[in-house]
C-alpha atoms as a PDB file:
ATOM      1  CA  MET A   1     -18.670   2.802 -28.732  1.00  0.00           C
ATOM      2  CA  ARG A   2     -16.502   3.697 -25.746  1.00  0.00           C
ATOM      3  CA  ALA A   3     -16.655   1.706 -22.541  1.00  0.00           C
ATOM      4  CA  GLN A   4     -17.285   3.606 -19.355  1.00  0.00           C
ATOM      5  CA  VAL A   5     -14.648   2.809 -16.738  1.00  0.00           C
ATOM      6  CA  LYS A   6     -15.403   3.609 -13.141  1.00  0.00           C
ATOM      7  CA  THR A   7     -12.621   4.692 -10.807  1.00  0.00           C
ATOM      8  CA  VAL A   8     -13.128   3.578  -7.241  1.00  0.00           C
ATOM      9  CA  VAL A   9     -10.910   3.968  -4.190  1.00  0.00           C
ATOM     10  CA  ASP A  10     -10.777   1.012  -1.789  1.00  0.00           C
ATOM     11  CA  HIS A  11     -12.568   1.275   1.544  1.00  0.00           C
ATOM     12  CA  PHE A  12      -9.345   1.614   3.542  1.00  0.00           C
ATOM     13  CA  HIS A  13      -7.992   4.582   1.530  1.00  0.00           C
ATOM     14  CA  PHE A  14     -11.318   6.331   0.968  1.00  0.00           C
ATOM     15  CA  LYS A  15     -11.251   7.791   4.483  1.00  0.00           C
ATOM     16  CA  SER A  16      -8.388  10.115   3.506  1.00  0.00           C
ATOM     17  CA  HIS A  17     -10.051  11.370   0.298  1.00  0.00           C
ATOM     18  CA  LYS A  18     -11.702  14.662   1.262  1.00  0.00           C
ATOM     19  CA  GLY A  19     -12.432  16.332  -2.081  1.00  0.00           C
ATOM     20  CA  ALA A  20     -15.895  16.765  -3.557  1.00  0.00           C
ATOM     21  CA  TYR A  21     -14.905  14.913  -6.753  1.00  0.00           C
ATOM     22  CA  CYS A  22     -13.726  11.898  -4.765  1.00  0.00           C
ATOM     23  CA  HIS A  23     -16.911  11.735  -2.731  1.00  0.00           C
ATOM     24  CA  ALA A  24     -19.050  12.042  -5.851  1.00  0.00           C
ATOM     25  CA  HIS A  25     -17.160   9.666  -8.167  1.00  0.00           C
ATOM     26  CA  THR A  26     -14.747   7.343  -6.331  1.00  0.00           C
ATOM     27  CA  ASN A  27     -16.771   6.441  -3.241  1.00  0.00           C
ATOM     28  CA  PRO A  28     -16.866   2.619  -3.015  1.00  0.00           C
ATOM     29  CA  TYR A  29     -20.036   2.751  -0.914  1.00  0.00           C
ATOM     30  CA  ASN A  30     -21.980   4.319  -3.811  1.00  0.00           C
ATOM     31  CA  HIS A  31     -21.396   1.411  -6.233  1.00  0.00           C
ATOM     32  CA  LYS A  32     -23.936  -1.378  -5.746  1.00  0.00           C
ATOM     33  CA  GLU A  33     -21.909  -3.772  -7.933  1.00  0.00           C
ATOM     34  CA  LEU A  34     -19.170  -3.768  -5.277  1.00  0.00           C
ATOM     35  CA  LYS A  35     -21.457  -4.936  -2.501  1.00  0.00           C
ATOM     36  CA  GLY A  36     -20.974  -8.520  -1.425  1.00  0.00           C
ATOM     37  CA  GLY A  37     -17.276  -8.834  -0.895  1.00  0.00           C
ATOM     38  CA  ALA A  38     -15.376  -7.268  -3.789  1.00  0.00           C
ATOM     39  CA  ASN A  39     -11.671  -7.288  -2.953  1.00  0.00           C
ATOM     40  CA  LEU A  40     -10.684  -3.684  -3.622  1.00  0.00           C
ATOM     41  CA  SER A  41      -7.289  -4.068  -1.954  1.00  0.00           C
ATOM     42  CA  VAL A  42      -6.025  -6.821  -4.250  1.00  0.00           C
ATOM     43  CA  CYS A  43      -3.386  -4.599  -5.878  1.00  0.00           C
ATOM     44  CA  GLU A  44      -1.896  -3.730  -2.509  1.00  0.00           C
ATOM     45  CA  GLN A  45      -1.914  -7.375  -1.482  1.00  0.00           C
ATOM     46  CA  ARG A  46      -0.100  -8.415  -4.653  1.00  0.00           C
ATOM     47  CA  PHE A  47       2.411  -5.568  -4.288  1.00  0.00           C
ATOM     48  CA  LYS A  48       3.160  -6.678  -0.734  1.00  0.00           C
ATOM     49  CA  TYR A  49       3.881 -10.209  -1.990  1.00  0.00           C
ATOM     50  CA  ILE A  50       6.151  -9.011  -4.809  1.00  0.00           C
ATOM     51  CA  ALA A  51       7.958  -6.575  -2.493  1.00  0.00           C
ATOM     52  CA  GLN A  52       9.103  -9.518  -0.370  1.00  0.00           C
ATOM     53  CA  HIS A  53      11.527 -10.319  -3.200  1.00  0.00           C
ATOM     54  CA  LYS A  54      13.071  -6.850  -3.474  1.00  0.00           C
ATOM     55  CA  LYS A  55      16.366  -7.819  -1.832  1.00  0.00           C
ATOM     56  CA  SER A  56      16.816 -10.586  -4.395  1.00  0.00           C
ATOM     57  CA  PHE A  57      16.093  -8.180  -7.247  1.00  0.00           C
ATOM     58  CA  ARG A  58      18.380  -5.407  -6.043  1.00  0.00           C
ATOM     59  CA  TYR A  59      21.607  -6.375  -7.785  1.00  0.00           C
ATOM     60  CA  MET A  60      20.191  -7.828 -10.999  1.00  0.00           C
ATOM     61  CA  ASN A  61      20.698  -6.270 -14.401  1.00  0.00           C
ATOM     62  CA  GLN A  62      17.570  -5.078 -16.195  1.00  0.00           C
ATOM     63  CA  ALA A  63      17.052  -8.195 -18.323  1.00  0.00           C
ATOM     64  CA  ARG A  64      17.361 -10.576 -15.377  1.00  0.00           C
ATOM     65  CA  PHE A  65      15.160  -8.326 -13.202  1.00  0.00           C
ATOM     66  CA  ASN A  66      12.406  -8.262 -15.837  1.00  0.00           C
ATOM     67  CA  PHE A  67      12.573 -12.046 -16.227  1.00  0.00           C
ATOM     68  CA  MET A  68      12.529 -12.730 -12.488  1.00  0.00           C
ATOM     69  CA  LEU A  69       9.713 -10.267 -11.859  1.00  0.00           C
ATOM     70  CA  ALA A  70       7.651 -11.927 -14.585  1.00  0.00           C
ATOM     71  CA  MET A  71       8.351 -15.336 -13.051  1.00  0.00           C
ATOM     72  CA  VAL A  72       7.397 -14.229  -9.534  1.00  0.00           C
ATOM     73  CA  VAL A  73       4.142 -12.729 -10.793  1.00  0.00           C
ATOM     74  CA  TRP A  74       3.381 -15.805 -12.943  1.00  0.00           C
ATOM     75  CA  LEU A  75       4.046 -18.204 -10.055  1.00  0.00           C
ATOM     76  CA  ASP A  76       1.884 -16.103  -7.752  1.00  0.00           C
ATOM     77  CA  HIS A  77      -0.996 -16.125 -10.235  1.00  0.00           C
ATOM     78  CA  LYS A  78      -0.614 -19.870 -10.828  1.00  0.00           C
ATOM     79  CA  ALA A  79      -0.613 -20.599  -7.078  1.00  0.00           C
ATOM     80  CA  ARG A  80      -3.752 -18.493  -6.630  1.00  0.00           C
ATOM     81  CA  LYS A  81      -5.474 -20.159  -9.585  1.00  0.00           C
ATOM     82  CA  ASP A  82      -4.613 -23.636  -8.273  1.00  0.00           C
ATOM     83  CA  GLY A  83      -5.859 -22.707  -4.793  1.00  0.00           C
ATOM     84  CA  LEU A  84      -2.481 -23.012  -3.104  1.00  0.00           C
ATOM     85  CA  LEU A  85      -2.610 -19.500  -1.609  1.00  0.00           C
END
């Protein structure tokens, strides 16, 4: 059995989606399960946080960059889980 995955555009970006497919399938206002405060912009929020570290990452070799990126993401998730952010 294959799971059905829905693709939804967040409310902020949906305004610029003009195609018929987007309005029929990715409209966040048509999905009742998203009513009541679903955070559809969470990926952009997390990217903004990680991007604050880009100057620190700039001159790292690949191994150190991968390690530091993993640590920044892990610390961010831990802080959110513990209610610090």
